[in-house]
N, C-alpha and C. Protein backbone atom coordinates (compact mmCIF):
# COMPACT_ATOMS: atom_id res chain seq x y z
N MET A 1 2.59 18.12 -10.71
CA MET A 1 2.57 18.10 -9.25
C MET A 1 1.17 18.43 -8.75
N LEU A 2 0.68 17.64 -7.79
CA LEU A 2 -0.62 17.93 -7.20
C LEU A 2 -0.49 19.08 -6.20
N ARG A 3 -1.60 19.72 -5.97
CA ARG A 3 -1.59 20.86 -5.07
C ARG A 3 -1.46 20.41 -3.62
N VAL A 4 -0.94 21.29 -2.81
CA VAL A 4 -0.88 21.11 -1.37
C VAL A 4 -1.67 22.24 -0.74
N PRO A 5 -2.67 21.92 0.09
CA PRO A 5 -3.09 20.58 0.53
C PRO A 5 -3.76 19.79 -0.59
N PRO A 6 -3.77 18.46 -0.48
CA PRO A 6 -4.26 17.62 -1.57
C PRO A 6 -5.78 17.50 -1.59
N LEU A 7 -6.43 18.63 -1.79
CA LEU A 7 -7.90 18.69 -1.83
C LEU A 7 -8.34 19.41 -3.09
N LEU A 8 -9.17 18.74 -3.87
CA LEU A 8 -9.79 19.31 -5.06
C LEU A 8 -11.27 19.50 -4.80
N VAL A 9 -11.76 20.71 -4.99
CA VAL A 9 -13.20 20.98 -4.90
C VAL A 9 -13.74 21.15 -6.31
N ILE A 10 -14.82 20.43 -6.61
CA ILE A 10 -15.44 20.42 -7.94
C ILE A 10 -16.79 21.13 -7.86
N SER A 11 -17.10 21.93 -8.86
CA SER A 11 -18.31 22.74 -8.80
C SER A 11 -19.56 21.96 -9.20
N ASP A 12 -20.67 22.41 -8.65
CA ASP A 12 -22.01 22.04 -9.11
C ASP A 12 -22.94 23.15 -8.64
N ARG A 13 -23.17 24.12 -9.49
CA ARG A 13 -23.92 25.30 -9.08
C ARG A 13 -25.36 24.95 -8.73
N ARG A 14 -25.87 23.82 -9.24
CA ARG A 14 -27.25 23.43 -8.93
C ARG A 14 -27.41 22.99 -7.48
N GLN A 15 -26.33 22.51 -6.90
CA GLN A 15 -26.38 22.13 -5.49
C GLN A 15 -25.99 23.28 -4.57
N ALA A 16 -25.29 24.26 -5.11
CA ALA A 16 -24.76 25.34 -4.28
C ALA A 16 -25.88 26.18 -3.67
N ARG A 17 -25.68 26.57 -2.44
CA ARG A 17 -26.65 27.39 -1.74
C ARG A 17 -26.33 28.88 -1.85
N GLN A 18 -25.23 29.19 -2.52
CA GLN A 18 -24.81 30.57 -2.75
C GLN A 18 -24.36 30.68 -4.20
N PRO A 19 -24.25 31.90 -4.73
CA PRO A 19 -23.69 32.06 -6.08
C PRO A 19 -22.33 31.39 -6.17
N LEU A 20 -22.05 30.77 -7.30
CA LEU A 20 -20.85 29.93 -7.43
C LEU A 20 -19.57 30.71 -7.14
N GLN A 21 -19.45 31.92 -7.65
CA GLN A 21 -18.22 32.68 -7.40
C GLN A 21 -18.03 32.97 -5.92
N GLN A 22 -19.12 33.16 -5.22
CA GLN A 22 -19.04 33.36 -3.77
C GLN A 22 -18.58 32.08 -3.08
N VAL A 23 -19.08 30.94 -3.55
CA VAL A 23 -18.66 29.66 -2.99
C VAL A 23 -17.16 29.45 -3.22
N VAL A 24 -16.70 29.74 -4.44
CA VAL A 24 -15.29 29.52 -4.76
C VAL A 24 -14.39 30.40 -3.91
N GLU A 25 -14.78 31.65 -3.70
CA GLU A 25 -13.95 32.51 -2.85
C GLU A 25 -13.90 31.96 -1.43
N ALA A 26 -15.02 31.43 -0.94
CA ALA A 26 -15.03 30.82 0.39
C ALA A 26 -14.13 29.59 0.44
N VAL A 27 -14.13 28.81 -0.64
CA VAL A 27 -13.27 27.63 -0.72
C VAL A 27 -11.80 28.03 -0.60
N PHE A 28 -11.40 29.05 -1.33
CA PHE A 28 -10.02 29.52 -1.27
C PHE A 28 -9.70 30.14 0.09
N ALA A 29 -10.63 30.91 0.63
CA ALA A 29 -10.42 31.52 1.94
C ALA A 29 -10.26 30.46 3.03
N GLY A 30 -10.90 29.30 2.82
CA GLY A 30 -10.81 28.21 3.78
C GLY A 30 -9.53 27.41 3.69
N GLY A 31 -8.69 27.69 2.68
CA GLY A 31 -7.40 27.04 2.59
C GLY A 31 -7.23 26.08 1.43
N CYS A 32 -8.28 25.78 0.69
CA CYS A 32 -8.14 24.93 -0.49
C CYS A 32 -7.45 25.71 -1.59
N ARG A 33 -6.62 25.04 -2.36
CA ARG A 33 -5.88 25.70 -3.42
C ARG A 33 -6.05 25.03 -4.77
N TRP A 34 -7.19 24.34 -4.93
CA TRP A 34 -7.44 23.65 -6.20
C TRP A 34 -8.94 23.55 -6.41
N PHE A 35 -9.41 24.12 -7.53
CA PHE A 35 -10.84 24.12 -7.84
C PHE A 35 -11.03 23.79 -9.31
N SER A 36 -12.05 23.00 -9.60
CA SER A 36 -12.35 22.68 -11.00
C SER A 36 -13.80 23.03 -11.33
N LEU A 37 -13.98 23.73 -12.42
CA LEU A 37 -15.30 24.14 -12.89
C LEU A 37 -15.91 23.00 -13.71
N ARG A 38 -17.06 22.50 -13.27
CA ARG A 38 -17.74 21.40 -13.94
C ARG A 38 -19.21 21.79 -14.17
N GLU A 39 -19.43 22.65 -15.11
CA GLU A 39 -20.79 23.14 -15.41
C GLU A 39 -21.08 22.85 -16.88
N LYS A 40 -21.25 21.59 -17.19
CA LYS A 40 -21.34 21.14 -18.58
C LYS A 40 -22.57 21.67 -19.30
N ASP A 41 -23.61 22.01 -18.55
CA ASP A 41 -24.85 22.45 -19.19
C ASP A 41 -24.86 23.93 -19.50
N LEU A 42 -23.86 24.67 -19.04
CA LEU A 42 -23.80 26.10 -19.37
C LEU A 42 -23.45 26.29 -20.83
N PRO A 43 -24.00 27.29 -21.49
CA PRO A 43 -23.55 27.62 -22.85
C PRO A 43 -22.05 27.90 -22.83
N ALA A 44 -21.38 27.55 -23.92
CA ALA A 44 -19.92 27.65 -23.98
C ALA A 44 -19.44 29.06 -23.65
N GLU A 45 -20.12 30.08 -24.15
CA GLU A 45 -19.68 31.45 -23.89
C GLU A 45 -19.78 31.80 -22.41
N ASP A 46 -20.88 31.39 -21.78
CA ASP A 46 -21.06 31.67 -20.35
C ASP A 46 -20.04 30.89 -19.52
N ARG A 47 -19.80 29.65 -19.91
CA ARG A 47 -18.84 28.83 -19.16
C ARG A 47 -17.44 29.42 -19.27
N GLY A 48 -17.08 29.89 -20.45
CA GLY A 48 -15.77 30.50 -20.65
C GLY A 48 -15.61 31.77 -19.83
N ALA A 49 -16.65 32.57 -19.80
CA ALA A 49 -16.58 33.82 -19.02
C ALA A 49 -16.47 33.52 -17.53
N LEU A 50 -17.22 32.52 -17.06
CA LEU A 50 -17.15 32.15 -15.65
C LEU A 50 -15.76 31.61 -15.31
N LEU A 51 -15.23 30.77 -16.19
CA LEU A 51 -13.89 30.22 -15.95
C LEU A 51 -12.85 31.34 -15.89
N ARG A 52 -12.96 32.32 -16.77
CA ARG A 52 -12.02 33.45 -16.76
C ARG A 52 -12.05 34.17 -15.41
N ASP A 53 -13.25 34.40 -14.89
CA ASP A 53 -13.38 35.08 -13.60
C ASP A 53 -12.78 34.24 -12.48
N LEU A 54 -13.01 32.93 -12.53
CA LEU A 54 -12.50 32.05 -11.47
C LEU A 54 -10.98 31.94 -11.53
N VAL A 55 -10.42 31.94 -12.73
CA VAL A 55 -8.96 31.90 -12.87
C VAL A 55 -8.36 33.17 -12.24
N ALA A 56 -8.97 34.32 -12.49
CA ALA A 56 -8.49 35.57 -11.90
C ALA A 56 -8.59 35.52 -10.38
N LEU A 57 -9.69 34.95 -9.88
CA LEU A 57 -9.85 34.80 -8.43
C LEU A 57 -8.80 33.86 -7.87
N GLY A 58 -8.54 32.78 -8.57
CA GLY A 58 -7.53 31.83 -8.12
C GLY A 58 -6.15 32.45 -8.04
N ARG A 59 -5.83 33.33 -8.97
CA ARG A 59 -4.52 33.98 -8.97
C ARG A 59 -4.32 34.78 -7.67
N ARG A 60 -5.39 35.37 -7.18
CA ARG A 60 -5.28 36.16 -5.94
C ARG A 60 -4.90 35.30 -4.75
N TYR A 61 -5.28 34.03 -4.79
CA TYR A 61 -5.02 33.13 -3.67
C TYR A 61 -3.88 32.15 -3.94
N GLY A 62 -3.25 32.25 -5.09
CA GLY A 62 -2.23 31.28 -5.44
C GLY A 62 -2.81 29.90 -5.65
N ALA A 63 -4.02 29.84 -6.15
CA ALA A 63 -4.74 28.57 -6.32
C ALA A 63 -4.77 28.15 -7.79
N VAL A 64 -4.82 26.85 -8.00
CA VAL A 64 -4.98 26.28 -9.33
C VAL A 64 -6.46 26.19 -9.66
N VAL A 65 -6.84 26.65 -10.85
CA VAL A 65 -8.22 26.55 -11.33
C VAL A 65 -8.20 25.79 -12.64
N THR A 66 -8.95 24.70 -12.67
CA THR A 66 -9.05 23.86 -13.86
C THR A 66 -10.52 23.77 -14.28
N ALA A 67 -10.78 23.08 -15.38
CA ALA A 67 -12.15 22.89 -15.84
C ALA A 67 -12.34 21.45 -16.29
N HIS A 68 -13.55 20.96 -16.14
CA HIS A 68 -13.89 19.63 -16.61
C HIS A 68 -14.26 19.67 -18.09
N GLU A 69 -13.52 18.95 -18.89
CA GLU A 69 -13.84 18.63 -20.28
C GLU A 69 -13.66 19.76 -21.29
N ASP A 70 -13.87 21.01 -20.91
CA ASP A 70 -13.92 22.10 -21.88
C ASP A 70 -12.51 22.59 -22.23
N ILE A 71 -11.85 21.88 -23.11
CA ILE A 71 -10.46 22.22 -23.46
C ILE A 71 -10.38 23.57 -24.17
N GLU A 72 -11.42 23.94 -24.91
CA GLU A 72 -11.40 25.23 -25.61
C GLU A 72 -11.39 26.38 -24.61
N ALA A 73 -12.21 26.28 -23.57
CA ALA A 73 -12.25 27.34 -22.57
C ALA A 73 -10.94 27.39 -21.79
N VAL A 74 -10.39 26.23 -21.46
CA VAL A 74 -9.12 26.18 -20.73
C VAL A 74 -8.03 26.88 -21.53
N ALA A 75 -7.94 26.57 -22.82
CA ALA A 75 -6.93 27.18 -23.67
C ALA A 75 -7.17 28.67 -23.84
N ALA A 76 -8.43 29.07 -23.99
CA ALA A 76 -8.75 30.47 -24.27
C ALA A 76 -8.43 31.39 -23.10
N VAL A 77 -8.69 30.93 -21.86
CA VAL A 77 -8.53 31.83 -20.71
C VAL A 77 -7.24 31.57 -19.93
N GLY A 78 -6.47 30.57 -20.36
CA GLY A 78 -5.21 30.28 -19.67
C GLY A 78 -5.41 29.64 -18.31
N ALA A 79 -6.43 28.78 -18.20
CA ALA A 79 -6.64 28.05 -16.95
C ALA A 79 -5.48 27.08 -16.73
N ASP A 80 -5.39 26.56 -15.52
CA ASP A 80 -4.22 25.77 -15.13
C ASP A 80 -4.27 24.32 -15.58
N GLY A 81 -5.42 23.87 -16.05
CA GLY A 81 -5.49 22.49 -16.50
C GLY A 81 -6.92 22.07 -16.77
N MET A 82 -7.08 20.79 -17.05
CA MET A 82 -8.42 20.27 -17.32
C MET A 82 -8.56 18.86 -16.81
N HIS A 83 -9.81 18.48 -16.62
CA HIS A 83 -10.13 17.13 -16.16
C HIS A 83 -10.95 16.43 -17.23
N LEU A 84 -10.46 15.29 -17.66
CA LEU A 84 -11.09 14.54 -18.74
C LEU A 84 -12.15 13.59 -18.20
N PRO A 85 -13.19 13.32 -19.00
CA PRO A 85 -14.17 12.31 -18.59
C PRO A 85 -13.61 10.91 -18.76
N SER A 86 -14.30 9.95 -18.21
CA SER A 86 -13.93 8.56 -18.43
C SER A 86 -13.88 8.28 -19.94
N GLY A 87 -12.80 7.70 -20.41
CA GLY A 87 -12.64 7.47 -21.84
C GLY A 87 -11.96 8.59 -22.58
N GLY A 88 -11.61 9.68 -21.89
CA GLY A 88 -10.92 10.79 -22.53
C GLY A 88 -9.48 10.44 -22.89
N SER A 89 -8.87 11.29 -23.68
CA SER A 89 -7.51 11.03 -24.16
C SER A 89 -6.50 12.00 -23.55
N PRO A 90 -5.71 11.54 -22.58
CA PRO A 90 -4.64 12.41 -22.06
C PRO A 90 -3.64 12.82 -23.13
N VAL A 91 -3.41 11.97 -24.10
CA VAL A 91 -2.46 12.28 -25.16
C VAL A 91 -2.93 13.51 -25.95
N ALA A 92 -4.19 13.51 -26.34
CA ALA A 92 -4.73 14.64 -27.10
C ALA A 92 -4.75 15.91 -26.25
N ALA A 93 -5.11 15.78 -24.97
CA ALA A 93 -5.13 16.94 -24.10
C ALA A 93 -3.74 17.51 -23.91
N ARG A 94 -2.74 16.64 -23.76
CA ARG A 94 -1.37 17.09 -23.57
C ARG A 94 -0.83 17.79 -24.82
N ALA A 95 -1.24 17.31 -25.99
CA ALA A 95 -0.79 17.94 -27.23
C ALA A 95 -1.31 19.38 -27.32
N ARG A 96 -2.52 19.61 -26.83
CA ARG A 96 -3.11 20.94 -26.89
C ARG A 96 -2.65 21.82 -25.72
N LEU A 97 -2.43 21.19 -24.57
CA LEU A 97 -2.10 21.93 -23.35
C LEU A 97 -0.83 21.33 -22.74
N PRO A 98 0.32 21.58 -23.34
CA PRO A 98 1.54 20.88 -22.93
C PRO A 98 1.99 21.17 -21.50
N ARG A 99 1.63 22.31 -20.94
CA ARG A 99 2.08 22.66 -19.59
C ARG A 99 0.98 22.56 -18.55
N ALA A 100 -0.16 22.07 -18.94
CA ALA A 100 -1.32 22.06 -18.05
C ALA A 100 -1.34 20.82 -17.15
N LEU A 101 -2.08 20.93 -16.07
CA LEU A 101 -2.37 19.79 -15.20
C LEU A 101 -3.51 19.02 -15.85
N ILE A 102 -3.27 17.76 -16.16
CA ILE A 102 -4.26 16.93 -16.84
C ILE A 102 -4.71 15.81 -15.92
N GLY A 103 -6.01 15.77 -15.63
CA GLY A 103 -6.58 14.70 -14.82
C GLY A 103 -7.65 13.97 -15.60
N ALA A 104 -8.12 12.86 -15.05
CA ALA A 104 -9.13 12.07 -15.74
C ALA A 104 -9.93 11.26 -14.73
N SER A 105 -11.16 10.95 -15.09
CA SER A 105 -12.03 10.15 -14.24
C SER A 105 -11.85 8.67 -14.53
N ALA A 106 -11.79 7.87 -13.47
CA ALA A 106 -11.67 6.43 -13.62
C ALA A 106 -12.61 5.75 -12.63
N HIS A 107 -13.11 4.59 -13.04
CA HIS A 107 -14.03 3.84 -12.19
C HIS A 107 -13.57 2.41 -11.94
N THR A 108 -12.49 2.02 -12.60
CA THR A 108 -11.91 0.70 -12.39
C THR A 108 -10.40 0.82 -12.32
N ALA A 109 -9.76 -0.23 -11.79
CA ALA A 109 -8.30 -0.24 -11.70
C ALA A 109 -7.67 -0.21 -13.09
N GLU A 110 -8.25 -0.95 -14.01
CA GLU A 110 -7.70 -1.01 -15.37
C GLU A 110 -7.78 0.34 -16.05
N GLU A 111 -8.90 1.02 -15.89
CA GLU A 111 -9.07 2.33 -16.51
C GLU A 111 -8.10 3.35 -15.91
N ALA A 112 -7.96 3.32 -14.60
CA ALA A 112 -7.05 4.25 -13.94
C ALA A 112 -5.61 4.05 -14.42
N ALA A 113 -5.19 2.80 -14.47
CA ALA A 113 -3.81 2.51 -14.90
C ALA A 113 -3.58 2.97 -16.33
N ALA A 114 -4.56 2.72 -17.21
CA ALA A 114 -4.41 3.10 -18.62
C ALA A 114 -4.32 4.61 -18.78
N LEU A 115 -5.14 5.34 -18.06
CA LEU A 115 -5.13 6.80 -18.17
C LEU A 115 -3.81 7.39 -17.67
N LEU A 116 -3.31 6.85 -16.57
CA LEU A 116 -2.04 7.36 -16.04
C LEU A 116 -0.88 7.01 -16.97
N ARG A 117 -0.88 5.83 -17.53
CA ARG A 117 0.18 5.46 -18.47
C ARG A 117 0.12 6.29 -19.75
N ALA A 118 -1.08 6.78 -20.07
CA ALA A 118 -1.24 7.60 -21.27
C ALA A 118 -0.86 9.05 -21.04
N GLY A 119 -0.49 9.39 -19.80
CA GLY A 119 0.00 10.73 -19.55
C GLY A 119 -0.81 11.59 -18.60
N ALA A 120 -1.90 11.06 -18.04
CA ALA A 120 -2.64 11.85 -17.05
C ALA A 120 -1.77 12.08 -15.83
N ASP A 121 -1.86 13.27 -15.26
CA ASP A 121 -1.09 13.58 -14.05
C ASP A 121 -1.70 12.94 -12.81
N TYR A 122 -3.00 12.71 -12.85
CA TYR A 122 -3.70 12.07 -11.74
C TYR A 122 -5.01 11.52 -12.27
N VAL A 123 -5.65 10.64 -11.51
CA VAL A 123 -7.01 10.21 -11.81
C VAL A 123 -7.85 10.34 -10.55
N THR A 124 -9.14 10.54 -10.74
CA THR A 124 -10.08 10.43 -9.63
C THR A 124 -10.72 9.05 -9.71
N ALA A 125 -10.78 8.36 -8.60
CA ALA A 125 -11.46 7.06 -8.52
C ALA A 125 -12.80 7.28 -7.83
N SER A 126 -13.88 6.89 -8.51
CA SER A 126 -15.20 7.18 -7.95
C SER A 126 -16.24 6.17 -8.43
N PRO A 127 -17.37 6.13 -7.69
CA PRO A 127 -17.58 6.76 -6.39
C PRO A 127 -17.05 5.86 -5.27
N VAL A 128 -16.31 6.44 -4.36
CA VAL A 128 -15.78 5.64 -3.25
C VAL A 128 -16.90 5.28 -2.29
N PHE A 129 -17.73 6.26 -1.97
CA PHE A 129 -18.88 6.03 -1.10
C PHE A 129 -20.15 6.41 -1.86
N VAL A 130 -21.29 6.01 -1.32
CA VAL A 130 -22.57 6.42 -1.91
C VAL A 130 -22.65 7.94 -1.87
N THR A 131 -23.05 8.54 -2.99
CA THR A 131 -23.05 9.99 -3.09
C THR A 131 -24.33 10.51 -3.69
N ALA A 132 -24.84 11.59 -3.12
CA ALA A 132 -26.04 12.22 -3.66
C ALA A 132 -25.74 13.03 -4.91
N SER A 133 -24.47 13.40 -5.11
CA SER A 133 -24.12 14.24 -6.26
C SER A 133 -24.21 13.48 -7.58
N LYS A 134 -23.83 12.18 -7.54
CA LYS A 134 -23.85 11.37 -8.76
C LYS A 134 -24.49 10.01 -8.47
N PRO A 135 -25.80 10.01 -8.27
CA PRO A 135 -26.47 8.78 -7.85
C PRO A 135 -26.48 7.69 -8.91
N GLY A 136 -26.25 8.01 -10.17
CA GLY A 136 -26.34 7.01 -11.23
C GLY A 136 -25.02 6.43 -11.69
N TYR A 137 -23.95 6.62 -10.89
CA TYR A 137 -22.63 6.20 -11.34
C TYR A 137 -22.24 4.81 -10.84
N GLY A 138 -23.22 3.97 -10.57
CA GLY A 138 -22.91 2.59 -10.22
C GLY A 138 -22.63 2.42 -8.75
N PRO A 139 -22.39 1.17 -8.34
CA PRO A 139 -22.17 0.89 -6.92
C PRO A 139 -20.89 1.53 -6.41
N ALA A 140 -20.88 1.83 -5.12
CA ALA A 140 -19.71 2.44 -4.51
C ALA A 140 -18.54 1.46 -4.51
N LEU A 141 -17.34 2.00 -4.72
CA LEU A 141 -16.13 1.18 -4.70
C LEU A 141 -15.81 0.69 -3.31
N GLY A 142 -16.10 1.52 -2.32
CA GLY A 142 -15.69 1.21 -0.97
C GLY A 142 -14.19 1.42 -0.81
N LEU A 143 -13.73 1.34 0.42
CA LEU A 143 -12.30 1.55 0.67
C LEU A 143 -11.47 0.41 0.09
N ASP A 144 -11.99 -0.80 0.07
CA ASP A 144 -11.25 -1.92 -0.53
C ASP A 144 -11.10 -1.72 -2.03
N GLY A 145 -12.17 -1.24 -2.67
CA GLY A 145 -12.09 -0.98 -4.10
C GLY A 145 -11.13 0.13 -4.42
N LEU A 146 -11.13 1.17 -3.58
CA LEU A 146 -10.18 2.26 -3.75
C LEU A 146 -8.75 1.74 -3.61
N ALA A 147 -8.51 0.90 -2.63
CA ALA A 147 -7.17 0.35 -2.41
C ALA A 147 -6.71 -0.49 -3.59
N ARG A 148 -7.63 -1.23 -4.21
CA ARG A 148 -7.26 -2.04 -5.38
C ARG A 148 -6.85 -1.14 -6.55
N ILE A 149 -7.56 -0.04 -6.75
CA ILE A 149 -7.21 0.89 -7.82
C ILE A 149 -5.84 1.50 -7.55
N VAL A 150 -5.62 1.93 -6.32
CA VAL A 150 -4.33 2.53 -5.96
C VAL A 150 -3.19 1.54 -6.19
N ALA A 151 -3.41 0.28 -5.83
CA ALA A 151 -2.35 -0.72 -5.94
C ALA A 151 -1.88 -0.92 -7.37
N GLN A 152 -2.77 -0.71 -8.34
CA GLN A 152 -2.41 -0.94 -9.75
C GLN A 152 -2.10 0.35 -10.49
N ALA A 153 -2.25 1.48 -9.82
CA ALA A 153 -2.10 2.77 -10.50
C ALA A 153 -0.64 3.23 -10.49
N PRO A 154 -0.07 3.54 -11.66
CA PRO A 154 1.30 4.05 -11.73
C PRO A 154 1.38 5.55 -11.55
N GLY A 155 0.54 6.09 -10.71
CA GLY A 155 0.50 7.52 -10.49
C GLY A 155 -0.53 7.87 -9.44
N PRO A 156 -0.73 9.17 -9.16
CA PRO A 156 -1.61 9.60 -8.07
C PRO A 156 -3.08 9.32 -8.33
N VAL A 157 -3.76 8.86 -7.29
CA VAL A 157 -5.20 8.61 -7.32
C VAL A 157 -5.86 9.48 -6.27
N LEU A 158 -6.90 10.22 -6.68
CA LEU A 158 -7.71 11.01 -5.75
C LEU A 158 -9.02 10.29 -5.52
N ALA A 159 -9.42 10.19 -4.27
CA ALA A 159 -10.71 9.58 -3.92
C ALA A 159 -11.82 10.60 -4.15
N LEU A 160 -12.90 10.16 -4.78
CA LEU A 160 -14.03 11.04 -5.09
C LEU A 160 -15.33 10.28 -4.86
N GLY A 161 -16.31 11.00 -4.33
CA GLY A 161 -17.64 10.41 -4.19
C GLY A 161 -17.99 10.15 -2.74
N GLY A 162 -18.81 11.02 -2.16
CA GLY A 162 -19.25 10.83 -0.79
C GLY A 162 -18.18 11.13 0.24
N ILE A 163 -17.15 11.88 -0.14
CA ILE A 163 -16.06 12.17 0.79
C ILE A 163 -16.49 13.28 1.75
N THR A 164 -16.25 13.06 3.03
CA THR A 164 -16.56 14.04 4.07
C THR A 164 -15.36 14.16 5.01
N ALA A 165 -15.47 15.10 5.93
CA ALA A 165 -14.41 15.23 6.93
C ALA A 165 -14.29 13.97 7.77
N GLU A 166 -15.40 13.24 7.91
CA GLU A 166 -15.40 12.04 8.74
C GLU A 166 -14.72 10.84 8.08
N ASN A 167 -14.74 10.76 6.75
CA ASN A 167 -14.14 9.57 6.11
C ASN A 167 -12.91 9.90 5.27
N ALA A 168 -12.49 11.16 5.26
CA ALA A 168 -11.34 11.55 4.43
C ALA A 168 -10.08 10.80 4.84
N ALA A 169 -9.82 10.69 6.13
CA ALA A 169 -8.60 10.03 6.60
C ALA A 169 -8.55 8.58 6.14
N ALA A 170 -9.70 7.91 6.12
CA ALA A 170 -9.74 6.51 5.70
C ALA A 170 -9.32 6.36 4.24
N CYS A 171 -9.61 7.36 3.42
CA CYS A 171 -9.22 7.31 2.01
C CYS A 171 -7.70 7.36 1.87
N PHE A 172 -7.05 8.16 2.70
CA PHE A 172 -5.59 8.21 2.68
C PHE A 172 -5.00 6.90 3.18
N THR A 173 -5.62 6.32 4.19
CA THR A 173 -5.17 5.03 4.69
C THR A 173 -5.25 3.97 3.60
N ALA A 174 -6.26 4.09 2.72
CA ALA A 174 -6.41 3.15 1.60
C ALA A 174 -5.43 3.42 0.48
N GLY A 175 -4.66 4.50 0.58
CA GLY A 175 -3.62 4.78 -0.40
C GLY A 175 -3.84 5.97 -1.29
N ALA A 176 -4.98 6.64 -1.17
CA ALA A 176 -5.23 7.81 -2.02
C ALA A 176 -4.20 8.89 -1.74
N ARG A 177 -3.82 9.62 -2.80
CA ARG A 177 -2.87 10.72 -2.66
C ARG A 177 -3.57 12.05 -2.39
N GLY A 178 -4.88 12.05 -2.54
CA GLY A 178 -5.65 13.25 -2.31
C GLY A 178 -7.12 12.91 -2.34
N ILE A 179 -7.96 13.90 -2.08
CA ILE A 179 -9.41 13.69 -2.15
C ILE A 179 -10.05 14.80 -2.96
N ALA A 180 -11.18 14.48 -3.54
CA ALA A 180 -11.97 15.45 -4.29
C ALA A 180 -13.38 15.46 -3.73
N VAL A 181 -13.93 16.64 -3.56
CA VAL A 181 -15.28 16.76 -3.01
C VAL A 181 -16.12 17.68 -3.89
N MET A 182 -17.41 17.42 -3.86
CA MET A 182 -18.35 18.28 -4.58
C MET A 182 -19.48 18.68 -3.64
N GLY A 183 -20.41 17.77 -3.43
CA GLY A 183 -21.60 18.09 -2.65
C GLY A 183 -21.32 18.52 -1.23
N GLU A 184 -20.31 17.95 -0.60
CA GLU A 184 -19.98 18.30 0.78
C GLU A 184 -19.75 19.80 0.93
N VAL A 185 -19.17 20.42 -0.08
CA VAL A 185 -18.90 21.85 -0.04
C VAL A 185 -20.03 22.64 -0.72
N MET A 186 -20.50 22.16 -1.86
CA MET A 186 -21.52 22.90 -2.60
C MET A 186 -22.80 23.07 -1.79
N ARG A 187 -23.20 22.03 -1.06
CA ARG A 187 -24.46 22.09 -0.31
C ARG A 187 -24.32 22.76 1.05
N ALA A 188 -23.11 23.08 1.43
CA ALA A 188 -22.87 23.62 2.77
C ALA A 188 -23.42 25.03 2.91
N ALA A 189 -24.02 25.31 4.06
CA ALA A 189 -24.44 26.68 4.35
C ALA A 189 -23.22 27.59 4.52
N ASP A 190 -22.12 27.00 4.98
CA ASP A 190 -20.88 27.74 5.16
C ASP A 190 -19.76 26.97 4.45
N PRO A 191 -19.55 27.22 3.15
CA PRO A 191 -18.54 26.47 2.40
C PRO A 191 -17.14 26.58 2.99
N ARG A 192 -16.80 27.76 3.50
CA ARG A 192 -15.47 27.92 4.08
C ARG A 192 -15.28 26.97 5.26
N ALA A 193 -16.26 26.92 6.15
CA ALA A 193 -16.16 26.03 7.30
C ALA A 193 -16.10 24.57 6.87
N SER A 194 -16.85 24.22 5.83
CA SER A 194 -16.82 22.85 5.32
C SER A 194 -15.43 22.48 4.82
N VAL A 195 -14.80 23.39 4.07
CA VAL A 195 -13.44 23.15 3.58
C VAL A 195 -12.47 23.03 4.75
N GLU A 196 -12.62 23.89 5.73
CA GLU A 196 -11.72 23.87 6.88
C GLU A 196 -11.84 22.55 7.64
N ARG A 197 -13.04 21.99 7.73
CA ARG A 197 -13.21 20.70 8.41
C ARG A 197 -12.50 19.59 7.64
N VAL A 198 -12.66 19.59 6.32
CA VAL A 198 -12.00 18.56 5.51
C VAL A 198 -10.49 18.69 5.60
N LEU A 199 -10.00 19.91 5.51
CA LEU A 199 -8.55 20.12 5.60
C LEU A 199 -8.02 19.76 6.99
N GLY A 200 -8.83 19.98 8.01
CA GLY A 200 -8.43 19.57 9.35
C GLY A 200 -8.26 18.07 9.45
N ALA A 201 -9.16 17.32 8.79
CA ALA A 201 -9.04 15.86 8.78
C ALA A 201 -7.80 15.41 8.03
N ILE A 202 -7.50 16.09 6.91
CA ILE A 202 -6.29 15.76 6.14
C ILE A 202 -5.05 16.04 6.97
N SER A 203 -5.02 17.18 7.64
CA SER A 203 -3.87 17.55 8.45
C SER A 203 -3.66 16.57 9.59
N ALA A 204 -4.75 16.15 10.22
CA ALA A 204 -4.64 15.19 11.31
C ALA A 204 -4.09 13.86 10.83
N GLU A 205 -4.52 13.43 9.64
CA GLU A 205 -4.02 12.17 9.08
C GLU A 205 -2.54 12.29 8.73
N ALA A 206 -2.14 13.43 8.15
CA ALA A 206 -0.73 13.63 7.81
C ALA A 206 0.14 13.60 9.06
N SER A 207 -0.33 14.22 10.15
CA SER A 207 0.42 14.22 11.40
C SER A 207 0.55 12.81 11.96
N ARG A 208 -0.51 12.04 11.88
CA ARG A 208 -0.48 10.66 12.37
C ARG A 208 0.55 9.84 11.61
N ARG A 209 0.61 10.02 10.30
CA ARG A 209 1.56 9.27 9.48
C ARG A 209 3.01 9.65 9.83
N ILE A 210 3.25 10.93 10.04
CA ILE A 210 4.59 11.37 10.40
C ILE A 210 5.03 10.74 11.72
N LEU A 211 4.12 10.71 12.70
CA LEU A 211 4.43 10.11 14.00
C LEU A 211 4.73 8.62 13.85
N ASN A 212 3.96 7.94 13.00
CA ASN A 212 4.19 6.51 12.79
C ASN A 212 5.54 6.25 12.15
N LEU A 213 5.97 7.13 11.23
CA LEU A 213 7.26 6.96 10.57
C LEU A 213 8.41 7.14 11.56
N LYS A 214 8.22 7.97 12.58
CA LYS A 214 9.28 8.24 13.55
C LYS A 214 9.42 7.13 14.58
N ARG A 215 8.44 6.26 14.68
CA ARG A 215 8.49 5.19 15.69
C ARG A 215 9.39 4.05 15.25
């Protein structure tokens, strides 16, 4: 099950304007309940210790804390799940972490469908828009590209890449079940306010859909 509200914040301490743990607490205080640690360049011991602290912080807020790629750290500290890179194996991750939330990165409709059929709980489709966080990840999918991935995906798709409060609603209109952000929150002078703006856009879109269903 994906978290409610359907917002995933992904870390990048190099972009963060505050210490990462301070940013994460602001993210949770702002109402987000899902965070993933993606600090691949940290030494394994440091990354594991940081993940342990973030998991403890998440417990205080009832939030899910996952990690990108580091299955050893996830297993060691009892994190809530992990996010696989493009080409990762949901089957292998599920064998090691049978109760965990397993996600994976996808950049095409075929890749997304294959990962979900292999047992991923969700995929991120990226980059939807041009993004400063990952400038080398190829051309933007655009909303039409996101919609094509969603149409072929047998499971939840989260929009990732250049997502802001201004374009979040459009991602849901294209069929995304949630959104994932990195730079929008990491670079913010006030991460809590940034999260609150994004969640406000999600809430407004959800209200609009409910009204349309009642008509």
